[in-house]
């Protein structure tokens, strides 16, 4: 058994989603937007990801999209957070505030 197989078997599905989310956050802090999106998207693909973690991943991926100049994709993720019943109020509020900033910037450019 390779060490990679051993490591992946070590974590439960839920743990994998959390680890991928954390790796995405590290990449985002380093401004490695492409890698951050890959990790966040991989976390969302984990079958047993919790709704609360889904909301956080979508929110953070949305921020990365916006930071990398892909405001439309970012807005889609932030709107997905707002549509989630399970998303916490603080995450929804932050998503709403970021969407307002995106809209404001878009209006000023036109």
C-alpha atoms as a PDB file:
ATOM      1  CA  UNK A   1       0.000   0.000   0.000  1.00  0.00           C
ATOM      2  CA  UNK A   2       1.460   3.354  -1.005  1.00  0.00           C
ATOM      3  CA  UNK A   3       1.742   6.107   1.558  1.00  0.00           C
ATOM      4  CA  UNK A   4      -0.735   8.176  -0.443  1.00  0.00           C
ATOM      5  CA  UNK A   5      -3.318   5.374  -0.327  1.00  0.00           C
ATOM      6  CA  UNK A   6      -2.718   4.954   3.358  1.00  0.00           C
ATOM      7  CA  UNK A   7      -3.242   8.662   3.984  1.00  0.00           C
ATOM      8  CA  UNK A   8      -6.422   8.867   1.947  1.00  0.00           C
ATOM      9  CA  UNK A   9      -7.846   5.827   3.762  1.00  0.00           C
ATOM     10  CA  UNK A  10      -6.960   7.414   7.078  1.00  0.00           C
ATOM     11  CA  UNK A  11      -9.421  10.251   6.684  1.00  0.00           C
ATOM     12  CA  UNK A  12     -13.180   9.878   6.572  1.00  0.00           C
ATOM     13  CA  UNK A  13     -15.060  11.530   3.730  1.00  0.00           C
ATOM     14  CA  UNK A  14     -16.038  14.413   5.987  1.00  0.00           C
ATOM     15  CA  UNK A  15     -12.469  14.852   7.160  1.00  0.00           C
ATOM     16  CA  UNK A  16     -11.291  14.874   3.541  1.00  0.00           C
ATOM     17  CA  UNK A  17     -13.657  17.706   2.718  1.00  0.00           C
ATOM     18  CA  UNK A  18     -12.361  19.700   5.677  1.00  0.00           C
ATOM     19  CA  UNK A  19      -8.711  19.063   4.761  1.00  0.00           C
ATOM     20  CA  UNK A  20      -9.349  20.124   1.162  1.00  0.00           C
ATOM     21  CA  UNK A  21     -11.110  23.267   2.410  1.00  0.00           C
ATOM     22  CA  UNK A  22      -8.148  24.126   4.642  1.00  0.00           C
ATOM     23  CA  UNK A  23      -5.714  23.561   1.766  1.00  0.00           C
ATOM     24  CA  UNK A  24      -7.810  25.896  -0.356  1.00  0.00           C
ATOM     25  CA  UNK A  25      -7.618  28.532   2.358  1.00  0.00           C
ATOM     26  CA  UNK A  26      -3.818  28.238   2.514  1.00  0.00           C
ATOM     27  CA  UNK A  27      -3.568  28.632  -1.264  1.00  0.00           C
ATOM     28  CA  UNK A  28      -5.936  31.608  -1.210  1.00  0.00           C
ATOM     29  CA  UNK A  29      -3.820  33.305   1.475  1.00  0.00           C
ATOM     30  CA  UNK A  30      -0.791  32.820  -0.774  1.00  0.00           C
ATOM     31  CA  UNK A  31      -2.762  34.315  -3.691  1.00  0.00           C
ATOM     32  CA  UNK A  32      -2.541  31.013  -5.582  1.00  0.00           C
ATOM     33  CA  UNK A  33      -6.090  31.388  -6.835  1.00  0.00           C
ATOM     34  CA  UNK A  34      -6.004  28.535  -9.323  1.00  0.00           C
ATOM     35  CA  UNK A  35      -4.907  25.993  -6.711  1.00  0.00           C
ATOM     36  CA  UNK A  36      -7.412  27.372  -4.192  1.00  0.00           C
ATOM     37  CA  UNK A  37     -10.275  26.877  -6.649  1.00  0.00           C
ATOM     38  CA  UNK A  38      -9.117  23.314  -7.321  1.00  0.00           C
ATOM     39  CA  UNK A  39      -9.052  22.466  -3.599  1.00  0.00           C
ATOM     40  CA  UNK A  40     -12.398  24.153  -2.903  1.00  0.00           C
ATOM     41  CA  UNK A  41     -14.037  22.407  -5.847  1.00  0.00           C
ATOM     42  CA  UNK A  42     -12.580  19.082  -4.731  1.00  0.00           C
ATOM     43  CA  UNK A  43     -14.025  19.643  -1.255  1.00  0.00           C
ATOM     44  CA  UNK A  44     -17.454  20.254  -2.772  1.00  0.00           C
ATOM     45  CA  UNK A  45     -17.159  16.958  -4.658  1.00  0.00           C
ATOM     46  CA  UNK A  46     -16.786  14.944  -1.431  1.00  0.00           C
ATOM     47  CA  UNK A  47     -20.053  12.997  -1.013  1.00  0.00           C
ATOM     48  CA  UNK A  48     -20.477  13.460   2.746  1.00  0.00           C
ATOM     49  CA  UNK A  49     -19.596  17.156   3.039  1.00  0.00           C
ATOM     50  CA  UNK A  50     -21.782  18.860   5.614  1.00  0.00           C
ATOM     51  CA  UNK A  51     -24.112  21.664   4.534  1.00  0.00           C
ATOM     52  CA  UNK A  52     -22.319  24.085   6.857  1.00  0.00           C
ATOM     53  CA  UNK A  53     -18.953  23.285   5.294  1.00  0.00           C
ATOM     54  CA  UNK A  54     -20.500  23.486   1.823  1.00  0.00           C
ATOM     55  CA  UNK A  55     -21.583  27.047   2.587  1.00  0.00           C
ATOM     56  CA  UNK A  56     -18.110  28.022   3.794  1.00  0.00           C
ATOM     57  CA  UNK A  57     -16.415  26.420   0.787  1.00  0.00           C
ATOM     58  CA  UNK A  58     -18.758  28.161  -1.655  1.00  0.00           C
ATOM     59  CA  UNK A  59     -18.254  31.479   0.107  1.00  0.00           C
ATOM     60  CA  UNK A  60     -14.472  31.205   0.045  1.00  0.00           C
ATOM     61  CA  UNK A  61     -14.368  29.937  -3.534  1.00  0.00           C
ATOM     62  CA  UNK A  62     -16.570  32.883  -4.466  1.00  0.00           C
ATOM     63  CA  UNK A  63     -14.080  35.259  -2.875  1.00  0.00           C
ATOM     64  CA  UNK A  64     -11.208  33.648  -4.775  1.00  0.00           C
ATOM     65  CA  UNK A  65     -13.088  33.909  -8.050  1.00  0.00           C
ATOM     66  CA  UNK A  66     -13.731  37.605  -7.417  1.00  0.00           C
ATOM     67  CA  UNK A  67     -10.097  38.205  -6.426  1.00  0.00           C
ATOM     68  CA  UNK A  68      -8.919  36.552  -9.641  1.00  0.00           C
ATOM     69  CA  UNK A  69     -11.158  38.700 -11.835  1.00  0.00           C
ATOM     70  CA  UNK A  70     -13.975  36.208 -12.333  1.00  0.00           C
ATOM     71  CA  UNK A  71     -16.738  38.152 -10.630  1.00  0.00           C
ATOM     72  CA  UNK A  72     -19.539  36.303 -12.425  1.00  0.00           C
ATOM     73  CA  UNK A  73     -18.416  32.920 -11.093  1.00  0.00           C
ATOM     74  CA  UNK A  74     -17.849  34.455  -7.671  1.00  0.00           C
ATOM     75  CA  UNK A  75     -21.333  35.942  -7.636  1.00  0.00           C
ATOM     76  CA  UNK A  76     -22.779  32.546  -8.590  1.00  0.00           C
ATOM     77  CA  UNK A  77     -21.090  30.909  -5.590  1.00  0.00           C
ATOM     78  CA  UNK A  78     -22.159  33.706  -3.247  1.00  0.00           C
ATOM     79  CA  UNK A  79     -25.744  33.487  -4.495  1.00  0.00           C
ATOM     80  CA  UNK A  80     -25.618  29.716  -3.922  1.00  0.00           C
ATOM     81  CA  UNK A  81     -24.704  30.416  -0.288  1.00  0.00           C
ATOM     82  CA  UNK A  82     -27.687  32.751   0.044  1.00  0.00           C
ATOM     83  CA  UNK A  83     -29.978  30.055  -1.393  1.00  0.00           C
ATOM     84  CA  UNK A  84     -28.866  27.481   1.198  1.00  0.00           C
ATOM     85  CA  UNK A  85     -31.224  27.023   4.141  1.00  0.00           C
ATOM     86  CA  UNK A  86     -28.426  25.369   6.125  1.00  0.00           C
ATOM     87  CA  UNK A  87     -25.917  28.218   5.725  1.00  0.00           C
ATOM     88  CA  UNK A  88     -25.240  30.120   8.918  1.00  0.00           C
ATOM     89  CA  UNK A  89     -26.506  33.670   9.274  1.00  0.00           C
ATOM     90  CA  UNK A  90     -22.964  35.043   9.489  1.00  0.00           C
ATOM     91  CA  UNK A  91     -21.941  33.358   6.224  1.00  0.00           C
ATOM     92  CA  UNK A  92     -25.091  34.594   4.487  1.00  0.00           C
ATOM     93  CA  UNK A  93     -24.517  38.128   5.748  1.00  0.00           C
ATOM     94  CA  UNK A  94     -20.897  38.105   4.524  1.00  0.00           C
ATOM     95  CA  UNK A  95     -21.999  36.728   1.133  1.00  0.00           C
ATOM     96  CA  UNK A  96     -24.660  39.442   0.833  1.00  0.00           C
ATOM     97  CA  UNK A  97     -22.111  42.148   1.654  1.00  0.00           C
ATOM     98  CA  UNK A  98     -19.649  40.830  -0.916  1.00  0.00           C
ATOM     99  CA  UNK A  99     -22.385  40.642  -3.562  1.00  0.00           C
ATOM    100  CA  UNK A 100     -23.278  44.274  -2.835  1.00  0.00           C
ATOM    101  CA  UNK A 101     -19.623  45.254  -3.408  1.00  0.00           C
ATOM    102  CA  UNK A 102     -19.506  43.314  -6.677  1.00  0.00           C
ATOM    103  CA  UNK A 103     -22.688  45.015  -7.855  1.00  0.00           C
ATOM    104  CA  UNK A 104     -21.385  48.425  -6.837  1.00  0.00           C
ATOM    105  CA  UNK A 105     -18.119  47.921  -8.744  1.00  0.00           C
ATOM    106  CA  UNK A 106     -19.993  46.692 -11.792  1.00  0.00           C
ATOM    107  CA  UNK A 107     -22.253  49.754 -11.826  1.00  0.00           C
ATOM    108  CA  UNK A 108     -19.294  52.131 -11.530  1.00  0.00           C
ATOM    109  CA  UNK A 109     -17.501  50.527 -14.497  1.00  0.00           C
ATOM    110  CA  UNK A 110     -20.430  50.919 -16.861  1.00  0.00           C
END
